[in-house]
Amino acid sequence: MHSSLQGHILIASPLLSDGNFFRSVVFIAKHDTDGAFGLILNRPSNLRLEDVIEQARGHRPKRSDSIYLGGPVEGPLLALHMMSNVGEDCQGDIWLTSDDDHLMLLCDRPKVPARFFSGYSGWGAGQLEGELAAGGWMVGPCPPEFLWGDPDDIWESAVKDQGERVVRTLVPSAGSFDPQIN
């Protein structure tokens, strides 16, 4: 196995033929010898958190968030967030939870950076490594603007960052690189 990609992002390459992941950026919340677990950061749904919580729990939350499609695998409502010690630590100050009490706590904390998901992306042992070797994904760091920023800009920004990283590796004196300037 490669080193753990936990806390990194996967950026769908043009070679990735799976329609579930076209132009997607996936935050890897867990990656070990058993497989990988991630959430697509740029697939907002038409579902609204306040509507889902009010219908399920009879409580109107203070947050007004879209629920994102975390991937093709069905699962419980999940939240990536920055409230320390609420769920599992994914990367320093990024936490993941599906616990109902934690979700209700986050629903009433509109100032806590959070993104809510229905479904997730999962890979069995060695499956993600095979997709990486086949060129299906690019791997990069996960800056905060990818987790909490505009989902429409994430894929393009991540691809541009990857290109700049490659150019800096090949030509260290290149510094900041704008591919639109020739």
Protein backbone atom coordinates (compact mmCIF):
# COMPACT_ATOMS: atom_id res chain seq x y z
CA MET A 1 0.00 0.00 0.00
CA HIS A 2 1.08 3.58 -0.63
CA SER A 3 1.32 5.84 2.39
CA SER A 4 -2.03 6.87 3.81
CA LEU A 5 -3.93 9.52 1.87
CA GLN A 6 -6.07 10.43 4.87
CA GLY A 7 -6.62 14.19 4.94
CA HIS A 8 -5.76 14.58 1.24
CA ILE A 9 -8.01 15.05 -1.75
CA LEU A 10 -8.47 12.93 -4.84
CA ILE A 11 -9.02 14.92 -8.01
CA ALA A 12 -10.77 13.03 -10.81
CA SER A 13 -8.59 12.90 -13.90
CA PRO A 14 -9.99 12.95 -17.44
CA LEU A 15 -9.10 9.22 -17.58
CA LEU A 16 -11.62 8.34 -14.86
CA SER A 17 -14.58 6.84 -16.71
CA ASP A 18 -16.89 6.30 -13.70
CA GLY A 19 -19.79 8.75 -14.08
CA ASN A 20 -20.21 8.93 -10.31
CA PHE A 21 -16.88 10.74 -10.07
CA PHE A 22 -16.76 12.92 -13.23
CA ARG A 23 -14.96 16.17 -12.33
CA SER A 24 -15.16 15.30 -8.65
CA VAL A 25 -12.92 16.16 -5.73
CA VAL A 26 -13.02 13.65 -2.88
CA PHE A 27 -11.77 14.32 0.65
CA ILE A 28 -10.21 11.14 2.03
CA ALA A 29 -11.40 10.82 5.64
CA LYS A 30 -9.85 7.39 6.21
CA HIS A 31 -7.27 5.29 4.35
CA ASP A 32 -5.54 2.18 5.65
CA THR A 33 -4.83 -1.42 4.63
CA ASP A 34 -8.57 -2.22 4.77
CA GLY A 35 -9.45 0.42 2.16
CA ALA A 36 -10.46 4.06 1.92
CA PHE A 37 -13.46 6.21 2.83
CA GLY A 38 -14.10 9.63 1.32
CA LEU A 39 -16.67 12.33 0.60
CA ILE A 40 -17.22 14.18 -2.68
CA LEU A 41 -16.81 17.89 -1.90
CA ASN A 42 -18.38 19.33 -5.04
CA ARG A 43 -21.78 17.61 -5.44
CA PRO A 44 -24.44 19.67 -3.63
CA SER A 45 -27.93 18.17 -3.79
CA ASN A 46 -31.30 19.88 -3.75
CA LEU A 47 -31.85 18.66 -0.19
CA ARG A 48 -31.62 21.28 2.54
CA LEU A 49 -30.35 20.40 6.01
CA GLU A 50 -33.07 22.37 7.79
CA ASP A 51 -35.82 20.52 5.90
CA VAL A 52 -34.36 17.07 6.51
CA ILE A 53 -33.70 17.68 10.22
CA GLU A 54 -37.09 19.29 10.79
CA GLN A 55 -38.87 16.37 9.10
CA ALA A 56 -36.81 13.69 10.88
CA ARG A 57 -36.45 15.26 14.32
CA GLY A 58 -39.13 17.97 14.53
CA HIS A 59 -36.45 20.60 15.15
CA ARG A 60 -35.72 23.55 12.85
CA PRO A 61 -31.91 23.99 12.89
CA LYS A 62 -30.16 27.34 12.88
CA ARG A 63 -28.05 26.31 9.86
CA SER A 64 -29.20 26.60 6.27
CA ASP A 65 -26.90 24.23 4.36
CA SER A 66 -27.15 22.06 1.27
CA ILE A 67 -26.66 18.36 1.83
CA TYR A 68 -23.93 17.09 -0.49
CA LEU A 69 -23.86 13.76 -2.30
CA GLY A 70 -20.79 12.22 -0.67
CA GLY A 71 -20.61 9.35 -3.14
CA PRO A 72 -22.45 6.45 -4.68
CA VAL A 73 -22.58 4.32 -1.51
CA GLU A 74 -25.70 4.83 0.62
CA GLY A 75 -25.11 5.73 4.21
CA PRO A 76 -26.25 7.88 7.12
CA LEU A 77 -26.14 11.66 7.24
CA LEU A 78 -22.51 12.66 7.84
CA ALA A 79 -20.76 15.92 8.65
CA LEU A 80 -17.22 17.08 8.05
CA HIS A 81 -16.59 19.96 10.41
CA MET A 82 -14.17 21.90 12.60
CA MET A 83 -15.66 21.37 16.08
CA SER A 84 -12.87 19.70 18.06
CA ASN A 85 -13.49 16.31 19.65
CA VAL A 86 -16.90 15.86 18.01
CA GLY A 87 -16.54 12.61 16.05
CA GLU A 88 -13.39 11.13 14.51
CA ASP A 89 -10.30 13.21 13.75
CA CYS A 90 -9.57 13.08 10.01
CA GLN A 91 -6.78 15.63 9.76
CA GLY A 92 -5.73 17.92 12.57
CA ASP A 93 -8.76 20.16 12.96
CA ILE A 94 -11.08 18.35 10.50
CA TRP A 95 -13.56 15.99 12.14
CA LEU A 96 -16.13 13.52 10.80
CA THR A 97 -19.32 12.38 12.51
CA SER A 98 -22.54 10.52 11.81
CA ASP A 99 -23.67 10.47 15.45
CA ASP A 100 -27.20 11.94 15.82
CA ASP A 101 -26.30 13.97 18.91
CA HIS A 102 -23.23 15.39 17.18
CA LEU A 103 -25.24 16.23 14.06
CA MET A 104 -27.88 18.03 16.12
CA LEU A 105 -25.15 19.98 17.91
CA LEU A 106 -23.64 21.03 14.56
CA CYS A 107 -27.07 21.91 13.14
CA ASP A 108 -27.39 24.66 15.74
CA ARG A 109 -23.84 26.02 15.33
CA PRO A 110 -23.97 28.07 12.10
CA LYS A 111 -20.53 29.63 12.73
CA VAL A 112 -18.74 26.25 12.84
CA PRO A 113 -17.36 25.41 9.38
CA ALA A 114 -19.18 22.22 8.33
CA ARG A 115 -20.42 20.35 5.29
CA PHE A 116 -23.17 17.72 5.49
CA PHE A 117 -23.31 14.61 3.28
CA SER A 118 -25.67 11.87 2.27
CA GLY A 119 -23.80 8.83 1.00
CA TYR A 120 -20.08 8.31 0.74
CA SER A 121 -17.28 7.02 -1.48
CA GLY A 122 -15.63 3.77 -0.48
CA TRP A 123 -12.84 1.55 -1.75
CA GLY A 124 -11.92 -1.95 -0.62
CA ALA A 125 -8.38 -3.04 0.22
CA GLY A 126 -6.08 -2.15 -2.68
CA GLN A 127 -8.90 -0.80 -4.88
CA LEU A 128 -7.95 2.87 -4.59
CA GLU A 129 -4.28 2.05 -5.17
CA GLY A 130 -5.30 0.31 -8.41
CA GLU A 131 -7.29 3.34 -9.56
CA LEU A 132 -4.33 5.60 -8.74
CA ALA A 133 -1.94 3.37 -10.70
CA ALA A 134 -4.34 3.43 -13.67
CA GLY A 135 -4.28 7.26 -13.69
CA GLY A 136 -7.87 7.73 -12.52
CA TRP A 137 -7.01 10.15 -9.74
CA MET A 138 -4.55 12.88 -8.91
CA VAL A 139 -3.70 13.37 -5.23
CA GLY A 140 -3.20 16.71 -3.55
CA PRO A 141 -3.30 18.51 -0.22
CA CYS A 142 -6.66 19.74 1.02
CA PRO A 143 -6.70 23.49 1.61
CA PRO A 144 -9.63 24.83 3.69
CA GLU A 145 -11.21 26.58 0.70
CA PHE A 146 -11.83 23.15 -0.88
CA LEU A 147 -13.67 21.92 2.21
CA TRP A 148 -15.77 25.00 2.85
CA GLY A 149 -15.63 26.98 -0.41
CA ASP A 150 -17.84 27.24 -3.47
CA PRO A 151 -18.37 23.71 -4.84
CA ASP A 152 -18.53 25.02 -8.42
CA ASP A 153 -14.87 26.12 -8.29
CA ILE A 154 -13.25 23.20 -6.46
CA TRP A 155 -12.43 20.85 -9.35
CA GLU A 156 -10.96 23.56 -11.59
CA SER A 157 -8.93 25.02 -8.71
CA ALA A 158 -7.62 21.59 -7.72
CA VAL A 159 -6.57 20.75 -11.29
CA LYS A 160 -4.82 24.13 -11.62
CA ASP A 161 -3.01 23.57 -8.31
CA GLN A 162 -1.86 20.14 -9.55
CA GLY A 163 -0.52 21.67 -12.76
CA GLU A 164 1.38 24.33 -10.85
CA ARG A 165 2.82 21.68 -8.53
CA VAL A 166 4.06 19.64 -11.52
CA VAL A 167 5.65 22.69 -13.15
CA ARG A 168 7.39 23.69 -9.88
CA THR A 169 8.75 20.14 -9.59
CA LEU A 170 10.10 20.18 -13.13
CA VAL A 171 11.28 23.80 -13.13
CA PRO A 172 11.85 24.94 -9.53
CA SER A 173 12.72 28.46 -10.66
CA ALA A 174 9.28 28.84 -12.28
CA GLY A 175 7.71 30.07 -9.01
CA SER A 176 4.07 30.88 -9.55
CA PHE A 177 2.90 29.63 -12.91
CA ASP A 178 -0.10 30.86 -14.91
CA PRO A 179 -0.72 28.48 -17.84
CA GLN A 180 -2.84 31.10 -19.58
CA ILE A 181 0.20 33.29 -20.12
CA ASN A 182 2.32 31.99 -23.01
